[in-house]
Amino acid sequence: MPIYQDSGGYRPPARFTQDDIPAEQSPAMQAVVAALVGLGEDWQAVQVWARLKEFFAPEVDDPMRTLETVELTVEAVNSQGGRRIFMVDDYPEFSVASPAAVAFFKFFTSK
C-alpha cells in the first residue's frame, strides 16, 4: 500500500497485490521479500506500507544533493499466531535507496 499525497493533498486509498506488479517492477518487489527473508525469523508479511523519503546526502562537489529512498513498514505474522510490525528504525535494511525501489514506488503513486 503506497502512502502518498496527490497534487490536491489527498491520500488516495491504493492497495495492490503481487499480481498487480508489472514485470519491470518485480526486482524491487523481490528486494522487499529478500529483506524479510534476511531476518532469519519465522515471519510472513501480511501487509507492507511504503513511504517515499527525501534526505540530504551532501557531497564535496554538491553540498545540496538529496536522495530519495523508500522506507518500508511491514506487518507480519508467525506460525505461533504472533503479530509484529517491522520498522526502518529497527531494521535499516527496510530503507531501500536503490533507483529501482524509488521507480517502483513512483509507478504506483503516479496514476
PDB file of N, CA and C in Angstrom:
ATOM      1  N   MET A   1       0.843  -1.160   0.000  1.00  0.00           N
ATOM      2  CA  MET A   1       0.000   0.000   0.000  1.00  0.00           C
ATOM      3  C   MET A   1       0.896   1.233   0.000  1.00  0.00           C
ATOM      4  N   PRO A   2       0.918   2.021  -1.060  1.00  0.00           N
ATOM      5  CA  PRO A   2       1.731   3.228  -1.059  1.00  0.00           C
ATOM      6  C   PRO A   2       1.072   4.316  -0.220  1.00  0.00           C
ATOM      7  N   ILE A   3       1.891   5.038   0.503  1.00  0.00           N
ATOM      8  CA  ILE A   3       1.408   6.164   1.303  1.00  0.00           C
ATOM      9  C   ILE A   3       1.933   7.426   0.646  1.00  0.00           C
ATOM     10  N   TYR A   4       1.063   8.235   0.112  1.00  0.00           N
ATOM     11  CA  TYR A   4       1.476   9.455  -0.574  1.00  0.00           C
ATOM     12  C   TYR A   4       0.299  10.409  -0.660  1.00  0.00           C
ATOM     13  N   GLN A   5       0.607  11.657  -0.959  1.00  0.00           N
ATOM     14  CA  GLN A   5      -0.444  12.636  -1.192  1.00  0.00           C
ATOM     15  C   GLN A   5      -0.435  13.015  -2.663  1.00  0.00           C
ATOM     16  N   ASP A   6      -1.612  13.118  -3.258  1.00  0.00           N
ATOM     17  CA  ASP A   6      -1.682  13.559  -4.641  1.00  0.00           C
ATOM     18  C   ASP A   6      -1.547  15.073  -4.690  1.00  0.00           C
ATOM     19  N   SER A   7      -1.669  15.660  -5.864  1.00  0.00           N
ATOM     20  CA  SER A   7      -1.451  17.099  -6.020  1.00  0.00           C
ATOM     21  C   SER A   7      -2.429  17.938  -5.209  1.00  0.00           C
ATOM     22  N   GLY A   8      -3.560  17.380  -4.846  1.00  0.00           N
ATOM     23  CA  GLY A   8      -4.532  18.107  -4.040  1.00  0.00           C
ATOM     24  C   GLY A   8      -4.363  17.881  -2.541  1.00  0.00           C
ATOM     25  N   GLY A   9      -3.351  17.106  -2.151  1.00  0.00           N
ATOM     26  CA  GLY A   9      -3.124  16.837  -0.739  1.00  0.00           C
ATOM     27  C   GLY A   9      -3.907  15.665  -0.191  1.00  0.00           C
ATOM     28  N   TYR A  10      -4.640  14.977  -1.054  1.00  0.00           N
ATOM     29  CA  TYR A  10      -5.457  13.840  -0.639  1.00  0.00           C
ATOM     30  C   TYR A  10      -4.617  12.573  -0.632  1.00  0.00           C
ATOM     31  N   ARG A  11      -4.819  11.723   0.349  1.00  0.00           N
ATOM     32  CA  ARG A  11      -4.141  10.427   0.408  1.00  0.00           C
ATOM     33  C   ARG A  11      -5.072   9.360  -0.148  1.00  0.00           C
ATOM     34  N   PRO A  12      -4.931   9.035  -1.422  1.00  0.00           N
ATOM     35  CA  PRO A  12      -5.861   8.055  -2.010  1.00  0.00           C
ATOM     36  C   PRO A  12      -5.627   6.651  -1.458  1.00  0.00           C
ATOM     37  N   PRO A  13      -6.708   5.910  -1.218  1.00  0.00           N
ATOM     38  CA  PRO A  13      -6.543   4.522  -0.780  1.00  0.00           C
ATOM     39  C   PRO A  13      -6.099   3.682  -1.972  1.00  0.00           C
ATOM     40  N   ALA A  14      -4.905   3.196  -1.902  1.00  0.00           N
ATOM     41  CA  ALA A  14      -4.362   2.410  -3.010  1.00  0.00           C
ATOM     42  C   ALA A  14      -3.763   1.130  -2.450  1.00  0.00           C
ATOM     43  N   ARG A  15      -4.368   0.028  -2.761  1.00  0.00           N
ATOM     44  CA  ARG A  15      -3.877  -1.265  -2.292  1.00  0.00           C
ATOM     45  C   ARG A  15      -3.582  -2.129  -3.513  1.00  0.00           C
ATOM     46  N   PHE A  16      -2.483  -2.856  -3.443  1.00  0.00           N
ATOM     47  CA  PHE A  16      -2.059  -3.689  -4.554  1.00  0.00           C
ATOM     48  C   PHE A  16      -1.654  -5.062  -4.042  1.00  0.00           C
ATOM     49  N   THR A  17      -1.839  -6.058  -4.871  1.00  0.00           N
ATOM     50  CA  THR A  17      -1.342  -7.399  -4.568  1.00  0.00           C
ATOM     51  C   THR A  17      -0.155  -7.673  -5.476  1.00  0.00           C
ATOM     52  N   GLN A  18       0.530  -8.776  -5.226  1.00  0.00           N
ATOM     53  CA  GLN A  18       1.690  -9.089  -6.058  1.00  0.00           C
ATOM     54  C   GLN A  18       1.294  -9.303  -7.518  1.00  0.00           C
ATOM     55  N   ASP A  19       0.049  -9.666  -7.774  1.00  0.00           N
ATOM     56  CA  ASP A  19      -0.406  -9.844  -9.158  1.00  0.00           C
ATOM     57  C   ASP A  19      -0.532  -8.517  -9.904  1.00  0.00           C
ATOM     58  N   ASP A  20      -0.608  -7.409  -9.151  1.00  0.00           N
ATOM     59  CA  ASP A  20      -0.717  -6.079  -9.758  1.00  0.00           C
ATOM     60  C   ASP A  20       0.637  -5.509 -10.175  1.00  0.00           C
ATOM     61  N   ILE A  21       1.717  -6.169  -9.790  1.00  0.00           N
ATOM     62  CA  ILE A  21       3.045  -5.627 -10.027  1.00  0.00           C
ATOM     63  C   ILE A  21       3.516  -5.995 -11.430  1.00  0.00           C
ATOM     64  N   PRO A  22       3.831  -4.992 -12.248  1.00  0.00           N
ATOM     65  CA  PRO A  22       4.302  -5.283 -13.601  1.00  0.00           C
ATOM     66  C   PRO A  22       5.693  -5.927 -13.583  1.00  0.00           C
ATOM     67  N   ALA A  23       5.994  -6.665 -14.622  1.00  0.00           N
ATOM     68  CA  ALA A  23       7.245  -7.419 -14.686  1.00  0.00           C
ATOM     69  C   ALA A  23       8.476  -6.544 -14.476  1.00  0.00           C
ATOM     70  N   GLU A  24       8.481  -5.331 -15.027  1.00  0.00           N
ATOM     71  CA  GLU A  24       9.671  -4.485 -14.887  1.00  0.00           C
ATOM     72  C   GLU A  24       9.868  -3.988 -13.456  1.00  0.00           C
ATOM     73  N   GLN A  25       8.851  -4.114 -12.622  1.00  0.00           N
ATOM     74  CA  GLN A  25       8.966  -3.697 -11.224  1.00  0.00           C
ATOM     75  C   GLN A  25       9.251  -4.873 -10.289  1.00  0.00           C
ATOM     76  N   SER A  26       9.273  -6.080 -10.803  1.00  0.00           N
ATOM     77  CA  SER A  26       9.445  -7.248  -9.939  1.00  0.00           C
ATOM     78  C   SER A  26      10.799  -7.278  -9.209  1.00  0.00           C
ATOM     79  N   PRO A  27      11.911  -6.777  -9.779  1.00  0.00           N
ATOM     80  CA  PRO A  27      13.158  -6.780  -8.987  1.00  0.00           C
ATOM     81  C   PRO A  27      13.040  -5.974  -7.693  1.00  0.00           C
ATOM     82  N   ALA A  28      12.334  -4.875  -7.719  1.00  0.00           N
ATOM     83  CA  ALA A  28      12.160  -4.083  -6.500  1.00  0.00           C
ATOM     84  C   ALA A  28      11.323  -4.851  -5.478  1.00  0.00           C
ATOM     85  N   MET A  29      10.270  -5.531  -5.936  1.00  0.00           N
ATOM     86  CA  MET A  29       9.457  -6.324  -5.021  1.00  0.00           C
ATOM     87  C   MET A  29      10.274  -7.465  -4.437  1.00  0.00           C
ATOM     88  N   GLN A  30      11.139  -8.057  -5.250  1.00  0.00           N
ATOM     89  CA  GLN A  30      11.996  -9.130  -4.755  1.00  0.00           C
ATOM     90  C   GLN A  30      12.934  -8.627  -3.660  1.00  0.00           C
ATOM     91  N   ALA A  31      13.360  -7.370  -3.746  1.00  0.00           N
ATOM     92  CA  ALA A  31      14.212  -6.791  -2.710  1.00  0.00           C
ATOM     93  C   ALA A  31      13.456  -6.695  -1.388  1.00  0.00           C
ATOM     94  N   VAL A  32      12.161  -6.385  -1.456  1.00  0.00           N
ATOM     95  CA  VAL A  32      11.339  -6.342  -0.246  1.00  0.00           C
ATOM     96  C   VAL A  32      11.271  -7.729   0.381  1.00  0.00           C
ATOM     97  N   VAL A  33      11.008  -8.725  -0.434  1.00  0.00           N
ATOM     98  CA  VAL A  33      10.925 -10.098   0.053  1.00  0.00           C
ATOM     99  C   VAL A  33      12.261 -10.536   0.642  1.00  0.00           C
ATOM    100  N   ALA A  34      13.361 -10.202  -0.023  1.00  0.00           N
ATOM    101  CA  ALA A  34      14.684 -10.578   0.466  1.00  0.00           C
ATOM    102  C   ALA A  34      14.977  -9.945   1.822  1.00  0.00           C
ATOM    103  N   ALA A  35      14.526  -8.720   2.031  1.00  0.00           N
ATOM    104  CA  ALA A  35      14.735  -8.062   3.322  1.00  0.00           C
ATOM    105  C   ALA A  35      14.023  -8.830   4.432  1.00  0.00           C
ATOM    106  N   LEU A  36      12.820  -9.329   4.153  1.00  0.00           N
ATOM    107  CA  LEU A  36      12.106 -10.126   5.155  1.00  0.00           C
ATOM    108  C   LEU A  36      12.772 -11.465   5.397  1.00  0.00           C
ATOM    109  N   VAL A  37      13.160 -12.134   4.318  1.00  0.00           N
ATOM    110  CA  VAL A  37      13.798 -13.442   4.444  1.00  0.00           C
ATOM    111  C   VAL A  37      15.107 -13.310   5.212  1.00  0.00           C
ATOM    112  N   GLY A  38      15.801 -12.195   4.990  1.00  0.00           N
ATOM    113  CA  GLY A  38      17.085 -11.969   5.653  1.00  0.00           C
ATOM    114  C   GLY A  38      16.976 -11.851   7.155  1.00  0.00           C
ATOM    115  N   LEU A  39      15.792 -11.648   7.684  1.00  0.00           N
ATOM    116  CA  LEU A  39      15.632 -11.558   9.128  1.00  0.00           C
ATOM    117  C   LEU A  39      15.907 -12.895   9.808  1.00  0.00           C
ATOM    118  N   GLY A  40      15.781 -13.980   9.057  1.00  0.00           N
ATOM    119  CA  GLY A  40      16.066 -15.296   9.609  1.00  0.00           C
ATOM    120  C   GLY A  40      15.068 -15.725  10.674  1.00  0.00           C
ATOM    121  N   GLU A  41      13.914 -15.141  10.694  1.00  0.00           N
ATOM    122  CA  GLU A  41      12.884 -15.485  11.658  1.00  0.00           C
ATOM    123  C   GLU A  41      11.670 -16.023  10.908  1.00  0.00           C
ATOM    124  N   ASP A  42      10.796 -16.664  11.637  1.00  0.00           N
ATOM    125  CA  ASP A  42       9.621 -17.286  11.036  1.00  0.00           C
ATOM    126  C   ASP A  42       8.480 -16.282  10.930  1.00  0.00           C
ATOM    127  N   TRP A  43       8.636 -15.283  10.045  1.00  0.00           N
ATOM    128  CA  TRP A  43       7.610 -14.268   9.867  1.00  0.00           C
ATOM    129  C   TRP A  43       7.157 -14.245   8.427  1.00  0.00           C
ATOM    130  N   GLN A  44       5.872 -14.034   8.239  1.00  0.00           N
ATOM    131  CA  GLN A  44       5.317 -13.896   6.901  1.00  0.00           C
ATOM    132  C   GLN A  44       4.607 -12.555   6.823  1.00  0.00           C
ATOM    133  N   ALA A  45       4.983 -11.756   5.824  1.00  0.00           N
ATOM    134  CA  ALA A  45       4.378 -10.431   5.673  1.00  0.00           C
ATOM    135  C   ALA A  45       2.913 -10.576   5.294  1.00  0.00           C
ATOM    136  N   VAL A  46       2.068  -9.790   5.955  1.00  0.00           N
ATOM    137  CA  VAL A  46       0.657  -9.745   5.599  1.00  0.00           C
ATOM    138  C   VAL A  46       0.295  -8.392   4.991  1.00  0.00           C
ATOM    139  N   GLN A  47       1.115  -7.380   5.297  1.00  0.00           N
ATOM    140  CA  GLN A  47       0.886  -6.058   4.717  1.00  0.00           C
ATOM    141  C   GLN A  47       2.200  -5.283   4.771  1.00  0.00           C
ATOM    142  N   VAL A  48       2.445  -4.516   3.701  1.00  0.00           N
ATOM    143  CA  VAL A  48       3.648  -3.691   3.625  1.00  0.00           C
ATOM    144  C   VAL A  48       3.222  -2.275   3.258  1.00  0.00           C
ATOM    145  N   TRP A  49       3.694  -1.311   4.026  1.00  0.00           N
ATOM    146  CA  TRP A  49       3.473   0.095   3.715  1.00  0.00           C
ATOM    147  C   TRP A  49       4.784   0.654   3.189  1.00  0.00           C
ATOM    148  N   ALA A  50       4.714   1.443   2.154  1.00  0.00           N
ATOM    149  CA  ALA A  50       5.909   2.065   1.572  1.00  0.00           C
ATOM    150  C   ALA A  50       5.735   3.575   1.595  1.00  0.00           C
ATOM    151  N   ARG A  51       6.805   4.256   1.998  1.00  0.00           N
ATOM    152  CA  ARG A  51       6.797   5.721   2.038  1.00  0.00           C
ATOM    153  C   ARG A  51       8.039   6.222   1.319  1.00  0.00           C
ATOM    154  N   LEU A  52       7.850   7.242   0.514  1.00  0.00           N
ATOM    155  CA  LEU A  52       8.972   7.854  -0.176  1.00  0.00           C
ATOM    156  C   LEU A  52       9.551   8.931   0.727  1.00  0.00           C
ATOM    157  N   LYS A  53      10.852   8.866   0.976  1.00  0.00           N
ATOM    158  CA  LYS A  53      11.541   9.843   1.823  1.00  0.00           C
ATOM    159  C   LYS A  53      12.647  10.503   1.021  1.00  0.00           C
ATOM    160  N   GLU A  54      12.824  11.782   1.260  1.00  0.00           N
ATOM    161  CA  GLU A  54      13.925  12.511   0.632  1.00  0.00           C
ATOM    162  C   GLU A  54      14.821  13.010   1.760  1.00  0.00           C
ATOM    163  N   PHE A  55      16.131  12.852   1.591  1.00  0.00           N
ATOM    164  CA  PHE A  55      17.049  13.306   2.620  1.00  0.00           C
ATOM    165  C   PHE A  55      18.278  13.913   1.975  1.00  0.00           C
ATOM    166  N   PHE A  56      18.972  14.725   2.748  1.00  0.00           N
ATOM    167  CA  PHE A  56      20.202  15.340   2.255  1.00  0.00           C
ATOM    168  C   PHE A  56      21.321  14.320   2.274  1.00  0.00           C
ATOM    169  N   ALA A  57      22.052  14.261   1.169  1.00  0.00           N
ATOM    170  CA  ALA A  57      23.212  13.386   1.033  1.00  0.00           C
ATOM    171  C   ALA A  57      24.329  14.206   0.388  1.00  0.00           C
ATOM    172  N   PRO A  58      24.833  15.218   1.125  1.00  0.00           N
ATOM    173  CA  PRO A  58      25.799  16.142   0.516  1.00  0.00           C
ATOM    174  C   PRO A  58      27.090  15.454   0.109  1.00  0.00           C
ATOM    175  N   GLU A  59      27.637  15.952  -0.964  1.00  0.00           N
ATOM    176  CA  GLU A  59      28.950  15.530  -1.435  1.00  0.00           C
ATOM    177  C   GLU A  59      29.797  16.782  -1.566  1.00  0.00           C
ATOM    178  N   VAL A  60      31.098  16.616  -1.672  1.00  0.00           N
ATOM    179  CA  VAL A  60      32.012  17.751  -1.740  1.00  0.00           C
ATOM    180  C   VAL A  60      31.644  18.683  -2.887  1.00  0.00           C
ATOM    181  N   ASP A  61      31.377  18.122  -4.059  1.00  0.00           N
ATOM    182  CA  ASP A  61      31.071  18.951  -5.221  1.00  0.00           C
ATOM    183  C   ASP A  61      29.586  19.319  -5.337  1.00  0.00           C
ATOM    184  N   ASP A  62      28.728  18.794  -4.448  1.00  0.00           N
ATOM    185  CA  ASP A  62      27.303  19.115  -4.477  1.00  0.00           C
ATOM    186  C   ASP A  62      26.760  19.092  -3.043  1.00  0.00           C
ATOM    187  N   PRO A  63      26.991  20.179  -2.279  1.00  0.00           N
ATOM    188  CA  PRO A  63      26.589  20.170  -0.870  1.00  0.00           C
ATOM    189  C   PRO A  63      25.074  20.153  -0.643  1.00  0.00           C
ATOM    190  N   MET A  64      24.273  20.438  -1.662  1.00  0.00           N
ATOM    191  CA  MET A  64      22.816  20.442  -1.512  1.00  0.00           C
ATOM    192  C   MET A  64      22.166  19.196  -2.115  1.00  0.00           C
ATOM    193  N   ARG A  65      22.946  18.178  -2.389  1.00  0.00           N
ATOM    194  CA  ARG A  65      22.442  16.957  -3.020  1.00  0.00           C
ATOM    195  C   ARG A  65      21.439  16.260  -2.104  1.00  0.00           C
ATOM    196  N   THR A  66      20.359  15.797  -2.706  1.00  0.00           N
ATOM    197  CA  THR A  66      19.368  15.000  -1.982  1.00  0.00           C
ATOM    198  C   THR A  66      19.191  13.652  -2.677  1.00  0.00           C
ATOM    199  N   LEU A  67      18.773  12.682  -1.915  1.00  0.00           N
ATOM    200  CA  LEU A  67      18.453  11.357  -2.441  1.00  0.00           C
ATOM    201  C   LEU A  67      17.074  10.955  -1.970  1.00  0.00           C
ATOM    202  N   GLU A  68      16.446  10.109  -2.752  1.00  0.00           N
ATOM    203  CA  GLU A  68      15.158   9.557  -2.368  1.00  0.00           C
ATOM    204  C   GLU A  68      15.343   8.098  -1.981  1.00  0.00           C
ATOM    205  N   THR A  69      14.636   7.690  -0.961  1.00  0.00           N
ATOM    206  CA  THR A  69      14.613   6.292  -0.559  1.00  0.00           C
ATOM    207  C   THR A  69      13.168   5.879  -0.344  1.00  0.00           C
ATOM    208  N   VAL A  70      12.961   4.598  -0.338  1.00  0.00           N
ATOM    209  CA  VAL A  70      11.657   4.052   0.009  1.00  0.00           C
ATOM    210  C   VAL A  70      11.823   3.373   1.363  1.00  0.00           C
ATOM    211  N   GLU A  71      11.010   3.812   2.324  1.00  0.00           N
ATOM    212  CA  GLU A  71      11.040   3.202   3.645  1.00  0.00           C
ATOM    213  C   GLU A  71       9.834   2.277   3.777  1.00  0.00           C
ATOM    214  N   LEU A  72      10.116   1.079   4.255  1.00  0.00           N
ATOM    215  CA  LEU A  72       9.078   0.056   4.382  1.00  0.00           C
ATOM    216  C   LEU A  72       8.689  -0.145   5.842  1.00  0.00           C
ATOM    217  N   THR A  73       7.425  -0.335   6.068  1.00  0.00           N
ATOM    218  CA  THR A  73       6.914  -0.802   7.349  1.00  0.00           C
ATOM    219  C   THR A  73       6.160  -2.082   7.035  1.00  0.00           C
ATOM    220  N   VAL A  74       6.506  -3.153   7.737  1.00  0.00           N
ATOM    221  CA  VAL A  74       5.960  -4.467   7.410  1.00  0.00           C
ATOM    222  C   VAL A  74       5.206  -5.035   8.602  1.00  0.00           C
ATOM    223  N   GLU A  75       3.958  -5.395   8.371  1.00  0.00           N
ATOM    224  CA  GLU A  75       3.189  -6.139   9.370  1.00  0.00           C
ATOM    225  C   GLU A  75       3.325  -7.609   9.015  1.00  0.00           C
ATOM    226  N   ALA A  76       3.736  -8.412   9.991  1.00  0.00           N
ATOM    227  CA  ALA A  76       3.976  -9.829   9.726  1.00  0.00           C
ATOM    228  C   ALA A  76       3.397 -10.681  10.851  1.00  0.00           C
ATOM    229  N   VAL A  77       3.144 -11.940  10.518  1.00  0.00           N
ATOM    230  CA  VAL A  77       2.658 -12.912  11.494  1.00  0.00           C
ATOM    231  C   VAL A  77       3.597 -14.108  11.493  1.00  0.00           C
ATOM    232  N   ASN A  78       3.606 -14.827  12.621  1.00  0.00           N
ATOM    233  CA  ASN A  78       4.408 -16.048  12.665  1.00  0.00           C
ATOM    234  C   ASN A  78       3.508 -17.251  12.915  1.00  0.00           C
ATOM    235  N   SER A  79       4.106 -18.426  12.884  1.00  0.00           N
ATOM    236  CA  SER A  79       3.321 -19.660  12.971  1.00  0.00           C
ATOM    237  C   SER A  79       2.689 -19.871  14.352  1.00  0.00           C
ATOM    238  N   GLN A  80       3.185 -19.174  15.381  1.00  0.00           N
ATOM    239  CA  GLN A  80       2.590 -19.290  16.714  1.00  0.00           C
ATOM    240  C   GLN A  80       1.441 -18.305  16.926  1.00  0.00           C
ATOM    241  N   GLY A  81       1.091 -17.550  15.871  1.00  0.00           N
ATOM    242  CA  GLY A  81      -0.006 -16.604  15.975  1.00  0.00           C
ATOM    243  C   GLY A  81       0.427 -15.204  16.379  1.00  0.00           C
ATOM    244  N   GLY A  82       1.731 -14.994  16.493  1.00  0.00           N
ATOM    245  CA  GLY A  82       2.229 -13.671  16.845  1.00  0.00           C
ATOM    246  C   GLY A  82       2.108 -12.698  15.683  1.00  0.00           C
ATOM    247  N   ARG A  83       1.960 -11.449  16.009  1.00  0.00           N
ATOM    248  CA  ARG A  83       1.854 -10.390  15.006  1.00  0.00           C
ATOM    249  C   ARG A  83       2.862  -9.324  15.399  1.00  0.00           C
ATOM    250  N   ARG A  84       3.558  -8.773  14.402  1.00  0.00           N
ATOM    251  CA  ARG A  84       4.614  -7.812  14.691  1.00  0.00           C
ATOM    252  C   ARG A  84       4.717  -6.790  13.571  1.00  0.00           C
ATOM    253  N   ILE A  85       5.121  -5.579  13.939  1.00  0.00           N
ATOM    254  CA  ILE A  85       5.381  -4.528  12.965  1.00  0.00           C
ATOM    255  C   ILE A  85       6.896  -4.339  12.888  1.00  0.00           C
ATOM    256  N   PHE A  86       7.450  -4.484  11.703  1.00  0.00           N
ATOM    257  CA  PHE A  86       8.875  -4.262  11.452  1.00  0.00           C
ATOM    258  C   PHE A  86       9.020  -2.874  10.848  1.00  0.00           C
ATOM    259  N   MET A  87       9.859  -2.042  11.469  1.00  0.00           N
ATOM    260  CA  MET A  87      10.024  -0.664  11.001  1.00  0.00           C
ATOM    261  C   MET A  87      11.488  -0.376  10.691  1.00  0.00           C
ATOM    262  N   VAL A  88      11.690   0.630   9.880  1.00  0.00           N
ATOM    263  CA  VAL A  88      13.037   1.007   9.451  1.00  0.00           C
ATOM    264  C   VAL A  88      13.918   1.421  10.632  1.00  0.00           C
ATOM    265  N   ASP A  89      13.318   1.927  11.709  1.00  0.00           N
ATOM    266  CA  ASP A  89      14.107   2.320  12.885  1.00  0.00           C
ATOM    267  C   ASP A  89      14.864   1.133  13.468  1.00  0.00           C
ATOM    268  N   ASP A  90      14.258  -0.049  13.435  1.00  0.00           N
ATOM    269  CA  ASP A  90      14.882  -1.247  13.978  1.00  0.00           C
ATOM    270  C   ASP A  90      15.564  -2.097  12.912  1.00  0.00           C
ATOM    271  N   TYR A  91      15.145  -1.927  11.669  1.00  0.00           N
ATOM    272  CA  TYR A  91      15.671  -2.734  10.569  1.00  0.00           C
ATOM    273  C   TYR A  91      16.097  -1.810   9.440  1.00  0.00           C
ATOM    274  N   PRO A  92      17.327  -1.299   9.489  1.00  0.00           N
ATOM    275  CA  PRO A  92      17.782  -0.341   8.471  1.00  0.00           C
ATOM    276  C   PRO A  92      17.695  -0.872   7.043  1.00  0.00           C
ATOM    277  N   GLU A  93      17.674  -2.187   6.873  1.00  0.00           N
ATOM    278  CA  GLU A  93      17.549  -2.747   5.522  1.00  0.00           C
ATOM    279  C   GLU A  93      16.195  -2.449   4.909  1.00  0.00           C
ATOM    280  N   PHE A  94      15.235  -1.954   5.715  1.00  0.00           N
ATOM    281  CA  PHE A  94      13.930  -1.566   5.188  1.00  0.00           C
ATOM    282  C   PHE A  94      13.931  -0.149   4.640  1.00  0.00           C
ATOM    283  N   SER A  95      15.079   0.493   4.617  1.00  0.00           N
ATOM    284  CA  SER A  95      15.245   1.765   3.915  1.00  0.00           C
ATOM    285  C   SER A  95      15.984   1.426   2.633  1.00  0.00           C
ATOM    286  N   VAL A  96      15.285   1.454   1.517  1.00  0.00           N
ATOM    287  CA  VAL A  96      15.825   0.982   0.249  1.00  0.00           C
ATOM    288  C   VAL A  96      16.115   2.189  -0.640  1.00  0.00           C
ATOM    289  N   ALA A  97      17.405   2.410  -0.913  1.00  0.00           N
ATOM    290  CA  ALA A  97      17.826   3.601  -1.652  1.00  0.00           C
ATOM    291  C   ALA A  97      18.058   3.336  -3.138  1.00  0.00           C
ATOM    292  N   SER A  98      17.806   2.146  -3.599  1.00  0.00           N
ATOM    293  CA  SER A  98      18.085   1.845  -5.000  1.00  0.00           C
ATOM    294  C   SER A  98      17.136   2.607  -5.917  1.00  0.00           C
ATOM    295  N   PRO A  99      17.621   3.049  -7.061  1.00  0.00           N
ATOM    296  CA  PRO A  99      16.746   3.717  -8.027  1.00  0.00           C
ATOM    297  C   PRO A  99      15.555   2.843  -8.440  1.00  0.00           C
ATOM    298  N   ALA A 100      15.743   1.534  -8.474  1.00  0.00           N
ATOM    299  CA  ALA A 100      14.646   0.633  -8.841  1.00  0.00           C
ATOM    300  C   ALA A 100      13.526   0.689  -7.810  1.00  0.00           C
ATOM    301  N   ALA A 101      13.870   0.782  -6.539  1.00  0.00           N
ATOM    302  CA  ALA A 101      12.846   0.855  -5.495  1.00  0.00           C
ATOM    303  C   ALA A 101      12.077   2.166  -5.577  1.00  0.00           C
ATOM    304  N   VAL A 102      12.788   3.259  -5.845  1.00  0.00           N
ATOM    305  CA  VAL A 102      12.134   4.558  -5.988  1.00  0.00           C
ATOM    306  C   VAL A 102      11.204   4.536  -7.207  1.00  0.00           C
ATOM    307  N   ALA A 103      11.671   3.959  -8.311  1.00  0.00           N
ATOM    308  CA  ALA A 103      10.841   3.842  -9.511  1.00  0.00           C
ATOM    309  C   ALA A 103       9.614   2.968  -9.233  1.00  0.00           C
ATOM    310  N   PHE A 104       9.810   1.903  -8.465  1.00  0.00           N
ATOM    311  CA  PHE A 104       8.723   1.007  -8.075  1.00  0.00           C
ATOM    312  C   PHE A 104       7.650   1.797  -7.325  1.00  0.00           C
ATOM    313  N   PHE A 105       8.051   2.593  -6.356  1.00  0.00           N
ATOM    314  CA  PHE A 105       7.110   3.399  -5.580  1.00  0.00           C
ATOM    315  C   PHE A 105       6.395   4.402  -6.489  1.00  0.00           C
ATOM    316  N   LYS A 106       7.158   5.104  -7.307  1.00  0.00           N
ATOM    317  CA  LYS A 106       6.569   6.136  -8.157  1.00  0.00           C
ATOM    318  C   LYS A 106       5.628   5.551  -9.201  1.00  0.00           C
ATOM    319  N   PHE A 107       5.861   4.315  -9.619  1.00  0.00           N
ATOM    320  CA  PHE A 107       4.971   3.661 -10.582  1.00  0.00           C
ATOM    321  C   PHE A 107       3.547   3.616 -10.030  1.00  0.00           C
ATOM    322  N   PHE A 108       3.421   3.250  -8.758  1.00  0.00           N
ATOM    323  CA  PHE A 108       2.104   3.099  -8.169  1.00  0.00           C
ATOM    324  C   PHE A 108       1.497   4.395  -7.672  1.00  0.00           C
ATOM    325  N   THR A 109       2.289   5.434  -7.488  1.00  0.00           N
ATOM    326  CA  THR A 109       1.761   6.676  -6.936  1.00  0.00           C
ATOM    327  C   THR A 109       1.618   7.768  -7.979  1.00  0.00           C
ATOM    328  N   SER A 110       1.881   7.455  -9.228  1.00  0.00           N
ATOM    329  CA  SER A 110       1.766   8.477 -10.277  1.00  0.00           C
ATOM    330  C   SER A 110       0.573   8.238 -11.184  1.00  0.00           C
ATOM    331  N   LYS A 111      -0.342   7.400 -10.777  1.00  0.00           N
ATOM    332  CA  LYS A 111      -1.522   7.081 -11.601  1.00  0.00           C
ATOM    333  C   LYS A 111      -2.580   8.140 -11.443  1.00  0.00           C
TER     334      LYS A 111
END
